[in-house]
């Protein structure tokens, strides 16, 4: 049986500062700083130095609900 592994990055929304989850389909070195579509559908900029775990008070509730 194979196992599905999601690679998530943290991305901050520009208008609210909320942190979102973005599923990565390419390596972090290929990211160009453009907005990416978060799991919840919001546009946000990825910060590869931040780990998204959904537990922070400024994390997107919709992203957390969809993933956990």
Protein backbone atom coordinates (compact mmCIF):
# COMPACT_ATOMS: atom_id res chain seq x y z
CA UNK A 1 0.00 0.00 0.00
CA UNK A 2 1.37 3.42 -0.92
CA UNK A 3 1.26 6.44 1.35
CA UNK A 4 0.31 9.97 0.29
CA UNK A 5 2.55 12.69 1.72
CA UNK A 6 1.57 16.35 1.47
CA UNK A 7 4.31 18.95 1.46
CA UNK A 8 2.91 22.11 2.98
CA UNK A 9 4.42 25.56 3.16
CA UNK A 10 3.32 28.56 5.19
CA UNK A 11 2.11 31.56 3.23
CA UNK A 12 1.01 34.91 4.56
CA UNK A 13 -2.00 36.71 3.16
CA UNK A 14 -1.18 40.29 2.23
CA UNK A 15 -4.45 41.91 3.22
CA UNK A 16 -4.99 40.28 6.63
CA UNK A 17 -1.61 38.85 7.66
CA UNK A 18 -3.27 35.48 8.22
CA UNK A 19 -1.05 32.44 7.68
CA UNK A 20 -2.32 29.90 5.14
CA UNK A 21 -1.24 26.43 4.05
CA UNK A 22 -0.02 25.95 0.48
CA UNK A 23 0.59 22.52 -0.98
CA UNK A 24 3.94 22.53 -2.77
CA UNK A 25 4.17 20.84 -6.15
CA UNK A 26 7.73 21.99 -6.82
CA UNK A 27 10.89 22.56 -4.82
CA UNK A 28 11.27 25.69 -2.65
CA UNK A 29 14.19 26.81 -4.84
CA UNK A 30 11.76 27.14 -7.77
CA UNK A 31 9.44 29.55 -5.95
CA UNK A 32 9.69 33.06 -7.37
CA UNK A 33 7.91 35.11 -4.70
CA UNK A 34 4.64 35.36 -6.59
CA UNK A 35 1.36 34.69 -4.82
CA UNK A 36 0.32 31.06 -4.59
CA UNK A 37 -3.15 29.60 -4.08
CA UNK A 38 -3.63 28.35 -0.52
CA UNK A 39 -5.55 25.20 0.41
CA UNK A 40 -8.58 27.39 1.26
CA UNK A 41 -8.37 29.27 -2.05
CA UNK A 42 -6.81 32.49 -0.75
CA UNK A 43 -3.82 34.09 -2.46
CA UNK A 44 -0.73 34.33 -0.26
CA UNK A 45 3.06 34.59 -0.49
CA UNK A 46 5.05 31.58 0.68
CA UNK A 47 7.70 32.00 3.37
CA UNK A 48 9.90 28.89 3.22
CA UNK A 49 11.40 29.76 6.63
CA UNK A 50 8.04 29.40 8.42
CA UNK A 51 6.43 26.06 9.25
CA UNK A 52 2.64 25.95 8.95
CA UNK A 53 1.02 23.71 11.52
CA UNK A 54 -2.45 25.25 11.81
CA UNK A 55 -2.22 25.68 15.58
CA UNK A 56 -1.15 29.34 15.72
CA UNK A 57 -3.80 31.91 16.57
CA UNK A 58 -3.13 33.72 13.29
CA UNK A 59 -3.46 30.55 11.17
CA UNK A 60 -6.30 30.29 8.68
CA UNK A 61 -9.15 28.28 10.19
CA UNK A 62 -10.36 27.16 6.76
CA UNK A 63 -6.94 25.71 5.87
CA UNK A 64 -6.79 23.90 9.21
CA UNK A 65 -10.34 22.54 8.79
CA UNK A 66 -9.60 21.25 5.28
CA UNK A 67 -6.36 19.54 6.30
CA UNK A 68 -7.10 18.19 9.75
